[in-house]
Protein backbone atom coordinates (compact mmCIF):
# COMPACT_ATOMS: atom_id res chain seq x y z
CA MET A 1 0.00 0.00 0.00
CA VAL A 2 1.30 3.47 -0.87
CA TYR A 3 0.79 6.10 1.82
CA VAL A 4 1.70 9.59 0.74
CA PHE A 5 2.75 12.23 3.23
CA SER A 6 -0.31 14.24 4.17
CA GLU A 7 1.33 17.61 3.50
CA ILE A 8 1.78 16.60 -0.13
CA LEU A 9 -1.53 14.82 -0.67
CA GLU A 10 -4.73 16.51 0.42
CA GLU A 11 -6.41 14.73 3.30
CA LEU A 12 -9.02 12.32 2.00
CA SER A 13 -12.58 11.78 3.15
CA PRO A 14 -13.11 8.52 5.07
CA LYS A 15 -14.84 6.91 2.09
CA LYS A 16 -12.14 7.89 -0.38
CA ARG A 17 -9.45 6.76 2.07
CA VAL A 18 -11.05 3.35 2.60
CA PHE A 19 -11.63 2.88 -1.12
CA ALA A 20 -8.04 3.85 -1.84
CA ALA A 21 -6.74 1.43 0.77
CA LEU A 22 -8.75 -1.48 -0.63
CA LYS A 23 -8.10 -0.61 -4.29
CA ASP A 24 -4.38 0.18 -3.81
CA GLY A 25 -4.72 3.85 -4.62
CA LYS A 26 -2.85 6.65 -2.91
CA ALA A 27 -3.91 7.49 0.64
CA ASP A 28 -2.73 10.03 3.17
CA ARG A 29 -2.63 7.40 5.96
CA PRO A 30 -4.04 3.96 6.80
CA PRO A 31 -7.78 3.99 7.52
CA VAL A 32 -8.99 2.93 10.97
CA THR A 33 -12.14 0.92 10.42
CA SER A 34 -14.55 -1.77 11.59
CA ILE A 35 -15.19 -3.56 8.32
CA GLY A 36 -14.09 -7.13 9.05
CA GLY A 37 -14.70 -9.41 12.00
CA CYS A 38 -17.70 -11.37 13.21
CA GLU A 39 -18.44 -9.26 16.28
CA GLY A 40 -19.63 -6.08 14.61
CA THR A 41 -19.12 -2.54 15.84
CA LEU A 42 -21.78 -1.85 18.44
CA ILE A 43 -20.82 -1.50 22.11
CA VAL A 44 -22.73 -1.04 25.34
CA ASP A 45 -21.43 2.53 25.76
CA VAL A 46 -23.00 3.59 22.45
CA GLN A 47 -26.33 2.05 23.41
CA LYS A 48 -26.30 3.99 26.68
CA ALA A 49 -25.28 7.22 24.94
CA THR A 50 -28.14 7.00 22.44
CA GLY A 51 -30.83 5.43 24.60
CA ILE A 52 -31.36 2.83 21.88
CA TYR A 53 -30.80 -0.72 23.02
CA LEU A 54 -30.50 -4.30 21.89
CA PRO A 55 -32.25 -6.53 21.19
CA GLU A 56 -34.93 -4.12 19.89
CA ALA A 57 -32.51 -2.56 17.40
CA HIS A 58 -31.98 -5.96 15.78
CA LYS A 59 -35.58 -5.81 14.57
CA ASP A 60 -36.08 -2.12 13.79
CA PRO A 61 -34.32 -0.53 10.77
CA GLU A 62 -34.63 3.02 12.14
CA LYS A 63 -33.06 2.05 15.46
CA MET A 64 -30.38 -0.06 13.81
CA ALA A 65 -29.45 2.80 11.49
CA LYS A 66 -29.32 5.34 14.32
CA LEU A 67 -27.10 3.07 16.42
CA ALA A 68 -24.76 2.33 13.51
CA ILE A 69 -24.37 6.01 12.64
CA ALA A 70 -23.96 6.96 16.30
CA SER A 71 -21.33 4.27 16.73
CA GLN A 72 -19.28 5.80 13.93
CA GLY A 73 -19.77 9.32 15.26
CA LEU A 74 -18.83 8.52 18.85
CA THR A 75 -15.84 6.33 18.05
CA GLY A 76 -14.44 8.15 15.02
CA LEU A 77 -14.09 4.92 13.05
CA GLU A 78 -14.10 5.55 9.31
CA ASN A 79 -17.04 3.45 8.22
CA VAL A 80 -20.55 2.40 9.21
CA ARG A 81 -21.28 -1.32 9.50
CA ILE A 82 -24.36 -3.44 9.98
CA PRO A 83 -25.99 -5.70 11.11
CA PHE A 84 -25.11 -6.23 14.78
CA ASP A 85 -25.51 -10.01 14.85
CA PHE A 86 -24.40 -13.09 12.97
CA VAL A 87 -27.59 -15.12 12.66
CA VAL A 88 -29.74 -13.18 10.18
CA GLU A 89 -29.44 -15.82 7.45
CA PRO A 90 -30.04 -18.96 9.60
CA GLU A 91 -33.10 -17.27 11.12
CA ALA A 92 -34.45 -16.36 7.67
CA LEU A 93 -33.99 -19.99 6.64
CA GLY A 94 -36.03 -21.31 9.55
CA CYS A 95 -33.67 -21.77 12.48
CA GLU A 96 -34.94 -20.73 15.90
CA ILE A 97 -33.00 -17.86 17.48
CA LYS A 98 -32.35 -17.22 21.15
CA TRP A 99 -33.05 -13.58 21.91
CA PRO A 100 -31.00 -12.27 24.86
CA ASP A 101 -32.49 -10.11 27.58
CA LYS A 102 -29.31 -8.11 28.22
CA ILE A 103 -27.68 -5.43 26.10
CA ASP A 104 -24.25 -7.06 26.26
CA GLN A 105 -25.28 -10.47 24.94
CA GLU A 106 -25.13 -11.87 21.42
CA LEU A 107 -27.94 -13.55 19.50
CA THR A 108 -27.41 -17.30 19.08
CA ILE A 109 -29.05 -20.17 17.25
CA LEU A 110 -31.30 -22.12 19.61
CA LYS A 111 -32.59 -24.80 17.22
CA HIS A 112 -31.18 -26.12 13.95
CA VAL A 113 -33.93 -27.39 11.68
CA TYR A 114 -32.03 -29.08 8.84
CA LYS A 115 -30.80 -32.70 8.97
CA THR A 116 -29.97 -33.82 5.41
CA PRO A 117 -29.76 -32.27 1.93
CA ASP A 118 -33.32 -33.46 1.36
CA ASP A 119 -34.43 -30.66 3.70
CA LEU A 120 -32.92 -27.99 1.46
CA THR A 121 -35.59 -26.10 -0.44
CA TRP A 122 -34.85 -22.83 -2.18
CA PRO A 123 -36.86 -19.98 -0.59
CA GLU A 124 -38.41 -18.07 -3.48
CA ASN A 125 -38.97 -15.04 -1.24
CA LEU A 126 -35.55 -15.05 0.42
CA LEU A 127 -35.22 -11.27 0.58
CA GLU A 128 -38.56 -11.01 2.36
CA ARG A 129 -37.81 -13.58 5.06
CA GLY A 130 -36.90 -13.01 8.70
CA ARG A 131 -34.84 -9.89 9.35
CA ILE A 132 -33.29 -9.68 5.88
CA PRO A 133 -35.74 -6.86 4.96
CA VAL A 134 -34.74 -5.05 8.17
CA VAL A 135 -31.06 -5.15 7.21
CA LEU A 136 -31.69 -4.01 3.64
CA GLU A 137 -33.91 -1.14 4.78
CA THR A 138 -31.28 -0.14 7.34
CA ILE A 139 -28.68 0.10 4.57
CA ARG A 140 -31.01 2.36 2.58
CA ILE A 141 -31.60 4.61 5.59
CA ILE A 142 -27.88 4.89 6.34
CA LYS A 143 -27.11 5.65 2.71
CA LYS A 144 -29.53 8.56 2.77
CA GLU A 145 -27.99 9.88 5.98
CA VAL A 146 -24.25 9.58 5.22
CA GLY A 147 -24.29 10.01 1.44
CA ASP A 148 -20.80 9.66 0.00
CA SER A 149 -18.92 10.79 3.10
CA LEU A 150 -18.66 7.39 4.80
CA PRO A 151 -18.33 3.87 3.39
CA ILE A 152 -21.06 1.43 4.37
CA ALA A 153 -20.02 -2.15 5.13
CA SER A 154 -22.46 -5.01 5.58
CA PHE A 155 -21.70 -8.59 6.45
CA MET A 156 -23.04 -12.12 6.44
CA ALA A 157 -21.99 -15.67 7.18
CA GLY A 158 -19.96 -17.41 4.50
CA PRO A 159 -21.29 -20.58 2.87
CA PHE A 160 -19.34 -23.05 5.02
CA THR A 161 -20.31 -21.31 8.26
CA LEU A 162 -23.91 -20.85 7.14
CA GLY A 163 -24.13 -24.53 6.27
CA GLY A 164 -22.96 -25.34 9.78
CA GLY A 165 -25.49 -22.92 11.21
CA LEU A 166 -28.32 -24.77 9.51
CA VAL A 167 -27.47 -28.21 10.91
CA GLY A 168 -25.24 -27.40 13.89
CA ALA A 169 -21.53 -26.76 13.61
CA SER A 170 -20.52 -29.98 15.37
CA ASN A 171 -22.62 -32.12 13.01
CA PHE A 172 -21.29 -30.24 10.02
CA LEU A 173 -17.66 -30.75 11.01
CA VAL A 174 -18.27 -34.48 11.47
CA TRP A 175 -19.73 -34.58 7.97
CA THR A 176 -16.49 -33.20 6.51
CA LEU A 177 -14.92 -36.52 7.52
CA LYS A 178 -17.80 -38.97 7.23
CA ASN A 179 -20.28 -37.56 4.73
CA PRO A 180 -18.63 -35.17 2.26
CA TYR A 181 -21.63 -35.27 -0.09
CA TYR A 182 -23.80 -33.65 2.59
CA VAL A 183 -21.22 -30.91 3.12
CA GLU A 184 -20.99 -30.24 -0.61
CA LYS A 185 -24.76 -29.91 -0.99
CA PHE A 186 -25.13 -27.59 2.01
CA VAL A 187 -22.21 -25.40 0.88
CA GLU A 188 -23.65 -25.23 -2.63
CA PHE A 189 -27.06 -24.21 -1.28
CA SER A 190 -25.54 -21.69 1.14
CA THR A 191 -23.39 -20.17 -1.61
CA ASP A 192 -26.50 -19.38 -3.62
CA ILE A 193 -28.08 -17.81 -0.52
CA VAL A 194 -24.99 -15.69 0.13
CA LEU A 195 -24.86 -14.44 -3.45
CA GLU A 196 -28.50 -13.36 -3.60
CA TYR A 197 -28.34 -11.63 -0.22
CA ALA A 198 -24.98 -9.97 -0.93
CA LYS A 199 -26.14 -8.58 -4.27
CA ALA A 200 -29.22 -7.18 -2.53
CA GLN A 201 -27.00 -5.44 0.00
CA TYR A 202 -25.08 -3.71 -2.79
CA SER A 203 -28.34 -2.68 -4.42
CA ALA A 204 -29.56 -1.22 -1.12
CA GLY A 205 -26.43 0.96 -0.87
CA SER A 206 -23.69 -1.06 0.78
CA ASP A 207 -20.19 -0.22 -0.46
CA ILE A 208 -18.38 -3.24 0.97
CA VAL A 209 -19.75 -6.73 1.55
CA VAL A 210 -17.93 -8.83 4.13
CA ILE A 211 -18.09 -12.63 4.07
CA CYS A 212 -17.34 -14.11 7.51
CA GLU A 213 -16.17 -17.72 7.75
CA PRO A 214 -15.26 -18.40 11.41
CA ASN A 215 -15.95 -22.13 11.03
CA ALA A 216 -13.35 -22.36 8.26
CA SER A 217 -10.34 -21.45 10.40
CA CYS A 218 -7.58 -23.95 11.12
CA ASP A 219 -8.92 -24.14 14.67
CA MET A 220 -11.99 -25.85 13.19
CA ILE A 221 -10.87 -27.68 10.05
CA ASP A 222 -7.51 -28.61 8.57
CA PRO A 223 -6.09 -26.75 5.55
CA ARG A 224 -6.93 -29.64 3.20
CA MET A 225 -10.61 -29.33 4.12
CA PHE A 226 -10.44 -25.61 3.41
CA LYS A 227 -9.17 -26.30 -0.10
CA ILE A 228 -11.85 -28.92 -0.74
CA TYR A 229 -14.98 -27.40 0.76
CA VAL A 230 -14.47 -23.69 1.36
CA LYS A 231 -12.12 -22.19 -1.21
CA PRO A 232 -14.13 -23.08 -4.36
CA ALA A 233 -17.29 -21.53 -2.89
CA LEU A 234 -15.47 -18.38 -1.84
CA MET A 235 -13.86 -18.05 -5.26
CA ARG A 236 -17.29 -18.25 -6.88
CA ILE A 237 -18.63 -15.57 -4.53
CA ALA A 238 -15.70 -13.23 -5.18
CA GLU A 239 -16.07 -13.76 -8.92
CA GLU A 240 -19.80 -12.95 -8.98
CA LEU A 241 -19.78 -9.98 -6.60
CA LYS A 242 -18.98 -6.77 -8.46
CA GLY A 243 -18.47 -4.39 -5.52
CA LEU A 244 -15.71 -4.25 -2.94
CA ARG A 245 -15.59 -7.47 -0.94
CA VAL A 246 -13.68 -8.58 2.13
CA LEU A 247 -13.14 -12.08 3.52
CA HIS A 248 -12.90 -12.57 7.28
CA ILE A 249 -11.78 -15.74 9.04
CA CYS A 250 -11.28 -15.76 12.81
CA GLY A 251 -8.55 -17.56 14.69
CA LYS A 252 -5.65 -19.51 13.24
CA VAL A 253 -5.27 -18.80 9.51
CA GLY A 254 -1.50 -18.99 8.94
CA PRO A 255 -1.64 -22.32 7.08
CA ILE A 256 -4.42 -21.09 4.75
CA ILE A 257 -3.35 -17.47 4.25
CA GLU A 258 -2.26 -18.09 0.65
CA ASP A 259 -5.56 -19.83 -0.11
CA MET A 260 -7.48 -16.93 1.42
CA ALA A 261 -5.60 -14.50 -0.80
CA ASP A 262 -6.26 -16.69 -3.84
CA CYS A 263 -10.04 -16.53 -3.34
CA GLY A 264 -10.26 -13.18 -5.14
CA PHE A 265 -11.40 -10.78 -2.43
CA ASP A 266 -10.10 -7.21 -2.23
CA GLY A 267 -9.09 -7.65 1.40
CA ILE A 268 -8.68 -10.34 4.03
CA SER A 269 -9.54 -9.63 7.65
CA ILE A 270 -7.43 -11.58 10.15
CA GLU A 271 -7.60 -11.88 13.89
CA GLU A 272 -4.50 -13.75 15.01
CA SER A 273 -1.10 -12.08 15.43
CA LEU A 274 0.57 -13.18 12.23
CA ASN A 275 3.88 -11.76 11.13
CA ILE A 276 2.56 -9.21 8.64
CA GLY A 277 5.96 -8.75 7.05
CA LYS A 278 6.11 -12.45 6.19
CA ILE A 279 2.59 -12.75 4.82
CA LYS A 280 2.65 -9.55 2.71
CA PRO A 281 4.66 -11.22 -0.10
CA ILE A 282 2.28 -14.19 0.05
CA VAL A 283 -0.96 -12.24 -0.29
CA GLY A 284 0.34 -9.92 -3.01
CA ASP A 285 -2.11 -7.14 -3.86
CA VAL A 286 -4.78 -8.39 -1.45
CA LYS A 287 -5.12 -5.94 1.44
CA ILE A 288 -4.82 -6.95 5.10
CA LEU A 289 -7.37 -5.72 7.64
CA GLY A 290 -6.59 -6.11 11.35
CA ASN A 291 -4.86 -7.18 13.42
CA ILE A 292 -5.55 -5.55 16.78
CA GLN A 293 -6.71 -8.27 19.16
CA SER A 294 -10.40 -7.76 19.94
CA ARG A 295 -10.00 -9.13 23.44
CA ASN A 296 -7.14 -6.73 24.11
CA LEU A 297 -9.21 -3.83 22.81
CA ALA A 298 -11.96 -4.79 25.25
CA LEU A 299 -9.82 -5.47 28.33
CA ASN A 300 -6.64 -3.38 28.10
CA THR A 301 -6.06 0.22 29.10
CA PRO A 302 -6.16 3.00 26.49
CA ASP A 303 -2.37 3.32 26.72
CA ALA A 304 -1.92 -0.40 26.02
CA VAL A 305 -4.31 -0.13 23.08
CA LYS A 306 -2.24 2.73 21.67
CA GLU A 307 0.93 0.63 21.85
CA GLU A 308 -0.69 -2.34 20.11
CA THR A 309 -2.06 -0.02 17.43
CA LYS A 310 1.39 1.45 16.81
CA LYS A 311 2.77 -2.06 16.30
CA ALA A 312 0.10 -2.78 13.69
CA LEU A 313 0.90 0.48 11.93
CA GLU A 314 4.62 -0.29 11.95
CA ALA A 315 3.86 -3.74 10.54
CA ASP A 316 2.17 -2.04 7.56
CA VAL A 317 -1.34 -3.41 8.04
CA ASP A 318 -3.42 -1.82 5.28
CA LEU A 319 -6.56 -1.06 7.30
CA ILE A 320 -6.28 -0.93 11.09
CA GLU A 321 -9.09 -2.55 13.02
CA ALA A 322 -10.01 -5.08 15.69
CA GLY A 323 -9.37 -8.41 14.01
CA GLU A 324 -12.47 -10.19 15.30
CA GLY A 325 -14.65 -7.09 15.41
CA ILE A 326 -15.49 -4.95 18.42
CA LEU A 327 -16.90 -6.84 21.40
CA LEU A 328 -20.01 -5.45 23.08
CA PRO A 329 -18.32 -4.69 26.45
CA THR A 330 -15.42 -2.77 24.84
CA PRO A 331 -14.97 0.65 26.50
CA LEU A 332 -15.52 3.63 24.22
CA ASP A 333 -12.26 5.18 25.44
CA ASN A 334 -10.30 2.19 24.15
CA ILE A 335 -11.76 2.49 20.67
CA LYS A 336 -11.02 6.21 20.69
CA ALA A 337 -7.43 5.43 21.69
CA MET A 338 -7.05 3.14 18.67
CA VAL A 339 -8.63 5.71 16.36
CA GLU A 340 -6.58 8.63 17.67
CA THR A 341 -3.34 6.69 17.35
CA VAL A 342 -4.01 5.93 13.70
CA LYS A 343 -5.13 9.46 12.86
CA GLU A 344 -1.96 10.86 14.41
CA TRP A 345 0.23 8.44 12.47
CA LYS A 346 2.53 10.06 9.91
CA THR A 347 4.61 8.25 7.36
CA SER A 348 7.84 9.68 6.06
CA PRO A 349 7.50 11.96 3.03
CA PRO A 350 8.49 10.30 -0.25
CA SER A 351 11.68 11.26 -2.03
CA LEU A 352 10.97 13.87 -4.66
């Protein structure tokens, strides 16, 4: 990535800066964002500051939009991102969701309703099911509010993770060893779901679509399984999506980092502390988002967050952000510390 000294290049708007970072254009400094990760961007402090709370905002596009915009305004992060949970697609496809009664709890899948590929039936009205219409309307509302000043990122489960969400992750992982045909059929079905939903997000106004595959990390499956089951589906998704797209995989990804880069996404979002200098030659032009530890961002002091952020900047991470997303209990002051450190960062002026 080429960062040009800010006295020579006029300071960019957040949207132009993020676009430049992902497209390998010239930027005045690295963006500090919340594009990748499975945990989203919303924190308890923002809910308290706005008086808008979960879980109601999961179901109401006006409330979701207000929280997302307020989150950007209060933190200073250089994008808006929705939704705030990871189970929109399984719910729309019939799974039962557990709704928490506290503002610092995540939504989870309570009941998986699929058992074999025979249960897979294409939903003709996919974009009208569950909370998918809520998410799409939220994107439209945000687009009207922020215009072209801020990039809008939206995310969804990747096909391997979504397949596991439909039948239960444990069952799905067993299938990778004992019933590969079942895995193939569920991934194929889920890939079609992802593509239709992702294209609808672009149409609604999203600038960046993020595909999250936490179940595809090397903590869950071995690299050979990634090549067999996950990589072909991700390559198809990247090929068919025409807007900016980012791939996120939580946890251990060192052994599959080259495969991730080969999938065709503009950026890869990583959570673990990889040696960025060593993986840069491997990923080539694909941009790296991360790799501030989300847990550290939530639990450390602002000064410790600043030091970790400086290390990421020195390692030449392309877009600085919490690798797994921002956890709900994260203090606002810690996010501000990360943001301020990046915004104060100056690279050396180029030789003229």
